[in-house]
Protein backbone atom coordinates (compact mmCIF):
# COMPACT_ATOMS: atom_id res chain seq x y z
CA MET A 1 153.26 -24.70 102.12
CA SER A 2 151.06 -24.10 99.07
CA ALA A 3 152.55 -22.52 95.98
CA PRO A 4 151.81 -18.81 95.47
CA LEU A 5 149.36 -17.72 92.79
CA SER A 6 150.69 -16.44 89.50
CA SER A 7 149.84 -12.76 89.09
CA ALA A 8 150.00 -13.02 85.28
CA ARG A 9 147.59 -15.92 85.13
CA THR A 10 145.30 -14.25 87.66
CA ARG A 11 145.13 -11.09 85.56
CA ALA A 12 144.52 -13.18 82.41
CA ALA A 13 141.69 -15.06 84.15
CA LEU A 14 140.11 -11.81 85.34
CA ARG A 15 140.32 -10.31 81.86
CA ALA A 16 138.78 -13.42 80.34
CA SER A 17 135.98 -13.37 82.94
CA ALA A 18 135.31 -9.69 82.26
CA ARG A 19 135.14 -10.25 78.50
CA ALA A 20 132.83 -13.26 78.99
CA SER A 21 130.59 -11.27 81.36
CA LEU A 22 130.36 -8.43 78.86
CA ASP A 23 129.45 -10.85 76.06
CA VAL A 24 126.75 -12.48 78.19
CA LEU A 25 125.39 -9.06 79.15
CA LEU A 26 125.15 -8.00 75.51
CA ILE A 27 123.37 -11.25 74.64
CA LEU A 28 120.86 -10.72 77.48
CA VAL A 29 120.19 -7.16 76.28
CA LEU A 30 119.63 -8.46 72.76
CA LEU A 31 117.20 -11.11 74.07
CA ALA A 32 115.32 -8.50 76.10
CA VAL A 33 114.92 -6.28 73.02
CA ALA A 34 113.78 -9.26 70.95
CA LEU A 35 111.19 -10.27 73.57
CA TRP A 36 109.95 -6.69 73.79
CA ALA A 37 109.52 -6.51 70.02
CA LEU A 38 107.81 -9.93 70.07
CA GLY A 39 105.35 -8.66 72.66
CA ARG A 40 104.55 -5.59 70.59
CA MET A 41 103.82 -7.80 67.56
CA TRP A 42 102.00 -10.55 69.48
CA SER A 43 98.69 -9.98 67.69
CA VAL A 44 100.42 -11.14 64.50
CA VAL A 45 102.86 -13.62 66.00
CA TRP A 46 100.22 -15.69 67.85
CA PRO A 47 98.12 -16.48 64.73
CA LEU A 48 101.37 -17.32 62.94
CA VAL A 49 102.32 -19.79 65.69
CA VAL A 50 98.85 -21.39 65.65
CA ALA A 51 99.00 -21.66 61.86
CA LEU A 52 102.39 -23.40 62.07
CA PHE A 53 100.99 -25.91 64.56
CA LEU A 54 98.00 -26.61 62.31
CA THR A 55 100.23 -26.88 59.26
CA THR A 56 102.38 -29.55 60.89
CA LEU A 57 99.20 -31.60 61.46
CA THR A 58 97.83 -31.20 57.94
CA TRP A 59 101.03 -31.17 55.89
CA PRO A 60 101.34 -35.00 55.54
CA ALA A 61 97.93 -35.16 53.83
CA THR A 62 98.84 -32.24 51.56
CA ARG A 63 102.17 -33.83 50.66
CA ALA A 64 100.40 -37.10 49.77
CA LEU A 65 97.96 -35.30 47.46
CA ARG A 66 100.79 -33.44 45.73
CA ARG A 67 102.65 -36.70 45.19
CA TRP A 68 99.51 -38.07 43.55
CA GLY A 69 99.65 -35.26 40.99
CA TRP A 70 97.46 -32.59 42.59
CA ARG A 71 98.38 -28.97 42.03
CA PRO A 72 99.44 -27.01 45.16
CA ALA A 73 96.31 -24.81 45.37
CA PRO A 74 93.71 -27.62 45.00
CA ALA A 75 95.65 -29.84 47.43
CA ALA A 76 95.85 -27.08 50.05
CA SER A 77 92.15 -26.21 49.55
CA ALA A 78 91.06 -29.83 49.89
CA VAL A 79 93.08 -30.38 53.06
CA THR A 80 91.90 -27.11 54.61
CA LEU A 81 88.26 -28.00 53.89
CA LEU A 82 88.79 -31.51 55.27
CA PHE A 83 90.34 -30.02 58.41
CA LEU A 84 87.31 -27.76 58.91
CA LEU A 85 84.98 -30.74 58.44
CA VAL A 86 86.93 -32.77 61.01
CA VAL A 87 86.76 -29.90 63.52
CA ALA A 88 83.02 -29.52 62.88
CA GLY A 89 82.59 -33.29 63.29
CA ILE A 90 84.41 -33.23 66.64
CA VAL A 91 82.20 -30.38 67.85
CA ALA A 92 79.10 -32.27 66.70
CA LEU A 93 80.35 -35.46 68.35
CA ILE A 94 80.50 -33.60 71.63
CA ALA A 95 77.46 -31.36 71.27
CA VAL A 96 74.84 -33.77 69.88
CA PRO A 97 74.94 -36.38 72.68
CA VAL A 98 75.11 -33.64 75.30
CA SER A 99 72.09 -31.83 73.84
CA SER A 100 70.11 -35.09 73.52
CA GLN A 101 70.66 -35.81 77.20
CA SER A 102 70.49 -32.23 78.39
CA GLY A 103 67.20 -32.78 80.24
CA GLU A 104 68.53 -35.81 82.09
CA LEU A 105 71.74 -33.97 82.94
CA THR A 106 69.82 -30.94 84.21
CA ASP A 107 67.70 -33.11 86.49
CA GLY A 108 70.84 -34.85 87.67
CA VAL A 109 72.54 -31.54 88.43
CA VAL A 110 69.57 -30.42 90.51
CA ALA A 111 69.50 -33.75 92.33
CA GLY A 112 73.24 -33.60 92.91
CA ILE A 113 72.99 -30.11 94.39
CA GLN A 114 70.17 -31.30 96.64
CA ARG A 115 72.29 -34.24 97.82
CA LEU A 116 75.20 -31.92 98.55
CA ARG A 117 72.88 -29.66 100.52
CA GLU A 118 71.57 -32.59 102.57
CA TRP A 119 75.11 -33.79 103.20
CA ALA A 120 76.19 -30.32 104.32
CA SER A 121 73.23 -30.08 106.74
CA GLY A 122 74.30 -33.26 108.52
CA PRO A 123 77.37 -34.04 110.61
CA PRO A 124 80.15 -33.06 110.71
CA LEU A 125 79.32 -29.72 109.00
CA ASN A 126 75.76 -29.24 110.39
CA ILE A 127 75.07 -26.31 108.07
CA GLY A 128 71.41 -25.32 108.44
CA ASP A 129 69.09 -23.80 105.87
CA ASP A 130 69.25 -20.42 107.59
CA GLN A 131 73.02 -20.36 107.22
CA ILE A 132 72.74 -21.31 103.56
CA ALA A 133 70.13 -18.58 103.04
CA GLY A 134 72.35 -16.05 104.82
CA ALA A 135 75.33 -17.00 102.68
CA PHE A 136 73.16 -16.69 99.56
CA ASP A 137 71.93 -13.21 100.60
CA SER A 138 75.47 -12.11 101.31
CA ALA A 139 76.56 -13.37 97.87
CA VAL A 140 73.70 -11.45 96.24
CA ASP A 141 74.76 -8.27 98.07
CA ARG A 142 78.34 -8.69 96.87
CA VAL A 143 77.16 -9.20 93.32
CA GLN A 144 75.01 -6.08 93.47
CA ASN A 145 77.88 -4.03 94.88
CA SER A 146 80.26 -5.19 92.16
CA VAL A 147 78.06 -4.75 89.10
CA GLY A 148 80.52 -2.33 87.52
CA SER A 149 83.46 -4.69 87.83
CA MET A 150 81.33 -7.56 86.50
CA VAL A 151 80.35 -5.51 83.45
CA SER A 152 83.98 -4.72 82.76
CA ALA A 153 84.88 -8.39 83.22
CA VAL A 154 82.16 -9.43 80.80
CA ALA A 155 83.34 -6.86 78.29
CA THR A 156 86.89 -8.17 78.66
CA GLY A 157 85.64 -11.71 78.16
CA VAL A 158 83.73 -10.73 75.04
CA GLY A 159 86.84 -9.02 73.69
CA THR A 160 88.88 -12.13 74.42
CA VAL A 161 86.37 -14.30 72.56
CA LEU A 162 86.41 -11.95 69.58
CA ASN A 163 90.20 -11.95 69.56
CA GLY A 164 90.12 -15.74 69.64
CA VAL A 165 87.77 -15.84 66.65
CA VAL A 166 89.95 -13.41 64.70
CA THR A 167 93.04 -15.44 65.60
CA ALA A 168 91.38 -18.69 64.45
CA VAL A 169 90.26 -17.22 61.12
CA LEU A 170 93.66 -15.65 60.44
CA ALA A 171 95.41 -18.90 61.41
CA LEU A 172 93.25 -20.85 58.94
CA PHE A 173 94.13 -18.49 56.09
CA LEU A 174 97.82 -18.66 57.01
CA MET A 175 97.62 -22.46 57.18
CA PHE A 176 96.19 -22.55 53.65
CA PHE A 177 99.02 -20.41 52.29
CA PHE A 178 101.64 -22.42 54.19
CA LEU A 179 100.25 -25.64 52.70
CA LYS A 180 100.14 -24.09 49.23
CA ASP A 181 103.49 -22.29 49.11
CA GLY A 182 105.46 -23.92 51.94
CA PRO A 183 107.97 -25.86 49.77
CA ARG A 184 108.90 -22.62 47.99
CA PHE A 185 109.93 -20.91 51.22
CA LEU A 186 113.44 -22.30 51.69
CA PRO A 187 114.58 -21.64 48.09
CA TRP A 188 113.14 -18.12 48.31
CA LEU A 189 114.85 -17.57 51.66
CA THR A 190 118.16 -18.80 50.24
CA ARG A 191 117.97 -16.23 47.44
CA GLN A 192 117.19 -13.37 49.83
CA LEU A 193 120.02 -13.88 52.33
CA PRO A 194 123.64 -12.84 51.69
CA GLY A 195 126.79 -14.85 52.16
CA ARG A 196 126.94 -17.61 54.74
CA LEU A 197 123.43 -16.78 56.00
CA ALA A 198 122.04 -18.18 52.73
CA VAL A 199 123.36 -21.58 53.87
CA ASP A 200 122.93 -21.48 57.64
CA VAL A 201 119.43 -20.00 58.01
CA PRO A 202 117.63 -22.41 55.63
CA ILE A 203 119.27 -25.42 57.28
CA VAL A 204 118.23 -24.24 60.75
CA ALA A 205 114.73 -23.46 59.46
CA GLU A 206 114.33 -26.95 58.00
CA ARG A 207 115.54 -28.60 61.19
CA GLY A 208 113.23 -26.39 63.24
CA TRP A 209 110.27 -27.35 61.05
CA ASN A 210 111.01 -31.06 61.54
CA THR A 211 111.30 -30.52 65.29
CA LEU A 212 108.00 -28.63 65.44
CA GLY A 213 106.26 -31.43 63.55
CA SER A 214 107.68 -33.97 65.98
CA PHE A 215 106.36 -31.93 68.91
CA VAL A 216 102.83 -31.68 67.53
CA ARG A 217 102.71 -35.40 66.71
CA SER A 218 104.00 -36.36 70.16
CA GLN A 219 101.43 -34.06 71.81
CA ALA A 220 98.68 -35.71 69.76
CA LEU A 221 99.91 -39.15 70.87
CA VAL A 222 99.88 -38.06 74.52
CA GLY A 223 96.33 -36.72 74.13
CA LEU A 224 95.28 -40.01 72.51
CA LEU A 225 96.69 -41.98 75.45
CA ASP A 226 94.81 -39.73 77.89
CA ALA A 227 91.57 -40.13 75.95
CA VAL A 228 91.89 -43.93 75.74
CA PHE A 229 92.71 -44.53 79.40
CA ILE A 230 90.16 -42.07 80.78
CA GLY A 231 87.55 -43.30 78.28
CA ILE A 232 88.10 -46.91 79.40
CA GLY A 233 87.66 -45.88 83.03
CA LEU A 234 84.42 -44.03 82.25
CA TRP A 235 83.14 -46.98 80.21
CA VAL A 236 83.85 -49.47 83.01
CA LEU A 237 81.95 -47.26 85.49
CA ASP A 238 79.06 -46.91 82.98
CA ILE A 239 79.29 -43.12 82.92
CA PRO A 240 77.13 -41.55 80.19
CA LEU A 241 78.65 -39.56 77.29
CA VAL A 242 81.85 -41.65 77.27
CA LEU A 243 82.73 -40.87 73.64
CA PRO A 244 82.21 -37.08 73.89
CA LEU A 245 84.25 -37.01 77.10
CA ALA A 246 87.06 -38.98 75.46
CA VAL A 247 87.09 -36.62 72.47
CA LEU A 248 87.06 -33.62 74.81
CA THR A 249 90.04 -35.11 76.70
CA PHE A 250 91.99 -35.57 73.45
CA VAL A 251 91.31 -32.03 72.24
CA SER A 252 92.05 -30.45 75.63
CA ALA A 253 95.46 -32.18 75.75
CA PHE A 254 96.76 -29.50 73.34
CA VAL A 255 96.08 -26.83 75.99
CA PRO A 256 98.34 -27.53 78.98
CA ILE A 257 97.04 -27.33 82.56
CA VAL A 258 93.70 -25.63 81.88
CA GLY A 259 92.66 -28.18 79.24
CA ALA A 260 93.20 -31.12 81.58
CA LEU A 261 91.42 -29.35 84.44
CA PHE A 262 88.44 -28.47 82.25
CA ALA A 263 88.06 -31.98 80.80
CA GLY A 264 88.45 -33.55 84.23
CA PHE A 265 85.91 -31.20 85.79
CA VAL A 266 83.34 -32.03 83.10
CA ALA A 267 83.89 -35.78 83.54
CA VAL A 268 83.61 -35.61 87.34
CA LEU A 269 80.48 -33.44 87.13
CA ILE A 270 78.75 -35.83 84.74
CA ALA A 271 79.71 -38.79 86.93
CA LEU A 272 78.35 -36.98 89.99
CA VAL A 273 74.97 -36.12 88.49
CA SER A 274 74.50 -39.50 86.80
CA ASN A 275 76.06 -42.15 89.08
CA GLY A 276 76.49 -40.44 92.43
CA PRO A 277 79.34 -39.20 94.62
CA MET A 278 81.18 -42.54 94.91
CA ASP A 279 81.60 -42.96 91.15
CA ALA A 280 82.50 -39.28 90.86
CA LEU A 281 85.34 -39.81 93.37
CA ILE A 282 86.50 -42.88 91.41
CA VAL A 283 86.48 -40.86 88.16
CA LEU A 284 88.45 -38.12 89.91
CA GLY A 285 91.02 -40.69 91.03
CA ILE A 286 91.30 -42.12 87.51
CA ILE A 287 91.84 -38.67 86.04
CA VAL A 288 94.46 -37.75 88.65
CA VAL A 289 96.37 -41.00 88.06
CA VAL A 290 96.26 -40.63 84.25
CA GLN A 291 97.32 -36.98 84.42
CA GLN A 292 100.22 -37.84 86.70
CA LEU A 293 101.31 -40.62 84.35
CA GLU A 294 101.02 -38.23 81.41
CA GLY A 295 102.95 -35.39 83.01
CA ASN A 296 105.68 -37.48 84.62
CA VAL A 297 106.01 -40.54 82.35
CA PHE A 298 104.27 -40.44 78.94
CA GLN A 299 104.89 -36.84 77.89
CA PRO A 300 108.57 -36.60 78.94
CA MET A 301 109.39 -39.99 77.39
CA ILE A 302 107.59 -39.41 74.08
CA GLN A 303 108.69 -35.81 73.65
CA SER A 304 112.26 -36.50 74.72
CA ARG A 305 112.55 -39.11 71.97
CA GLY A 306 110.96 -36.95 69.29
CA LEU A 307 112.63 -33.68 70.24
CA GLY A 308 116.03 -34.83 71.41
CA LEU A 309 115.50 -33.22 74.82
CA HIS A 310 115.92 -34.89 78.17
CA ALA A 311 112.76 -35.43 80.22
CA THR A 312 113.99 -33.10 82.98
CA VAL A 313 114.58 -30.34 80.43
CA ILE A 314 110.98 -30.66 79.23
CA LEU A 315 109.59 -30.56 82.78
CA LEU A 316 111.68 -27.50 83.66
CA ALA A 317 110.74 -25.77 80.39
CA VAL A 318 107.01 -26.26 80.99
CA THR A 319 107.35 -24.99 84.57
CA LEU A 320 109.33 -21.92 83.50
CA GLY A 321 107.01 -21.15 80.58
CA GLY A 322 103.94 -21.38 82.79
CA SER A 323 105.45 -19.09 85.41
CA LEU A 324 106.49 -16.51 82.81
CA ALA A 325 103.51 -16.46 80.41
CA GLY A 326 100.74 -18.62 81.87
CA ILE A 327 98.87 -21.01 79.58
CA VAL A 328 100.49 -19.70 76.40
CA GLY A 329 103.91 -20.04 77.99
CA SER A 330 103.19 -23.66 78.96
CA LEU A 331 102.00 -24.40 75.44
CA LEU A 332 105.04 -22.85 73.75
CA ALA A 333 107.69 -23.81 76.31
CA VAL A 334 108.58 -27.21 74.85
CA PRO A 335 108.75 -26.17 71.16
CA VAL A 336 110.74 -23.07 72.08
CA ALA A 337 113.20 -25.18 74.08
CA ALA A 338 113.45 -27.58 71.14
CA MET A 339 114.14 -24.69 68.73
CA ILE A 340 116.85 -23.38 71.03
CA ALA A 341 118.39 -26.85 71.07
CA VAL A 342 118.28 -26.97 67.26
CA VAL A 343 120.10 -23.64 66.95
CA TRP A 344 122.62 -24.57 69.64
CA ASN A 345 123.43 -27.93 68.04
CA TYR A 346 123.93 -26.31 64.64
CA VAL A 347 126.20 -23.62 66.11
CA ARG A 348 128.22 -26.34 67.83
CA GLU A 349 128.57 -28.18 64.52
CA GLN A 350 129.98 -25.04 62.91
CA LEU A 351 132.34 -24.31 65.82
CA VAL A 352 133.83 -27.79 66.17
CA ASP A 353 137.60 -27.58 66.57
CA PRO A 354 139.37 -29.66 63.88
CA ALA A 355 142.03 -30.59 66.48
CA GLY A 356 139.25 -31.84 68.74
CA GLU A 357 137.87 -33.97 65.91
CA SER A 358 141.21 -35.76 65.50
CA GLY A 359 141.25 -36.55 69.20
CA GLU A 360 144.34 -34.45 70.06
CA PRO A 361 143.77 -32.48 73.26
CA VAL A 362 144.57 -28.80 73.37
CA GLU A 363 146.99 -28.03 76.18
CA PRO A 364 146.45 -24.94 78.37
CA ASP A 365 150.08 -23.90 77.79
CA ASP A 366 149.44 -23.84 74.04
CA VAL A 367 146.41 -21.61 74.60
CA GLU A 368 148.47 -19.29 76.79
CA GLU A 369 151.26 -19.14 74.22
CA THR A 370 148.76 -18.37 71.47
CA ARG A 371 147.27 -15.56 73.57
CA GLU A 372 150.70 -14.13 74.37
CA SER A 373 151.75 -14.28 70.72
CA GLY A 374 148.51 -12.51 69.75
CA GLU A 375 149.22 -9.77 72.30
CA SER A 376 152.76 -9.38 70.97
CA GLY A 377 151.52 -8.35 67.56
CA GLU A 378 150.55 -11.49 65.69
CA SER A 379 147.21 -11.36 64.00
CA ALA A 380 144.56 -13.63 65.47
CA GLY A 381 143.29 -14.42 62.01
CA ALA A 382 146.68 -15.66 60.89
CA ALA A 383 146.17 -18.92 62.77
CA VAL A 384 143.15 -19.69 60.55
CA PRO A 385 143.91 -21.17 57.14
CA GLU A 386 142.91 -18.89 54.32
CA ALA A 387 141.01 -21.70 52.63
CA ALA A 388 138.71 -21.97 55.66
CA VAL A 389 137.71 -18.30 55.55
CA GLY A 390 134.39 -17.84 53.80
CA GLN A 391 134.21 -21.53 52.91
CA PRO A 392 130.55 -22.33 52.18
CA GLY A 393 128.81 -25.08 54.09
CA PRO A 394 126.56 -27.85 52.77
CA GLU A 395 123.68 -27.02 50.52
CA PRO A 396 120.29 -26.71 52.30
CA ALA A 397 117.94 -29.62 51.79
CA GLY A 398 115.12 -27.34 50.75
CA ALA A 399 117.08 -25.58 48.01
């Protein structure tokens, strides 16, 4: 016959569960309020996030110039100008070859559409010209009936483009100031915060900055691998515009999901209009294989090493971020998860039990006796040595 349950321990377990549930509920409410406030300030937060990403890419060059004796403002100006020139060069590298072969590509597109039409008219589809004409007329009627919604969609698209331009300009200005005054931030933050926060917050901020830089560098490495492998496949198949397509693949790697789809669609379309359907299918297969290797092998391995996160955590974070906030959520999911890990690891460091460090296990009976003694009138703070209260931690590296 099994031993009966202890009513005292059962009540203690229920009270502990209730207190833990209340604490978790309060934390969830606090997170909901923080996310609501973040959404209200998103027009400012998003340029700030983009500027931080750009700063992590350009800070090594700025740091090198400052070590060579440059003043902060000239170093930041030179790096910002160089960044703009590199972006303009990438755009030119893509646009110039495309514009020089625009006539050939246009003829190829027309020929490709004609081939698709001939294929659709034959078996097994057997779609005749009258059916195609009927479908075209029906599409025209739908377009005419939805002019109002199309105008509103165009207006929304124009507004999105304008917001993107404003975000890019603001992010560039913020990047310049981050490059110029970034090293002063942690000392300034240390002076502004009271008590223990003056130690904890700068340390967490410095670790978060290092983690963000590791994320951006790993994402650039993943994009480089995509560009190299896809570029080699296009070169072997003798697809035109190999270099612009490789550059486009590298740049689009920084935009999850949509970037890969866009770059792949452009590569398949150019292969279709230049080399025919067979090479287009081969290019599609190459892109699918490379993207699968990137998403399931390269990206989890590289980012897990640089961010200290397991590959499954990264995959789940990207999936959750995409389901919650779309493209932006997928882009920010991994760095947000890494920042959470940074904060959690630091909190664990501060909450390490000295008894646990010495290897002596804490018995449940001791915990129960401590709880009972606390309920009988002993102060909970009496068990903590007075020297440990308010003891400052290590100095921040940025101070």
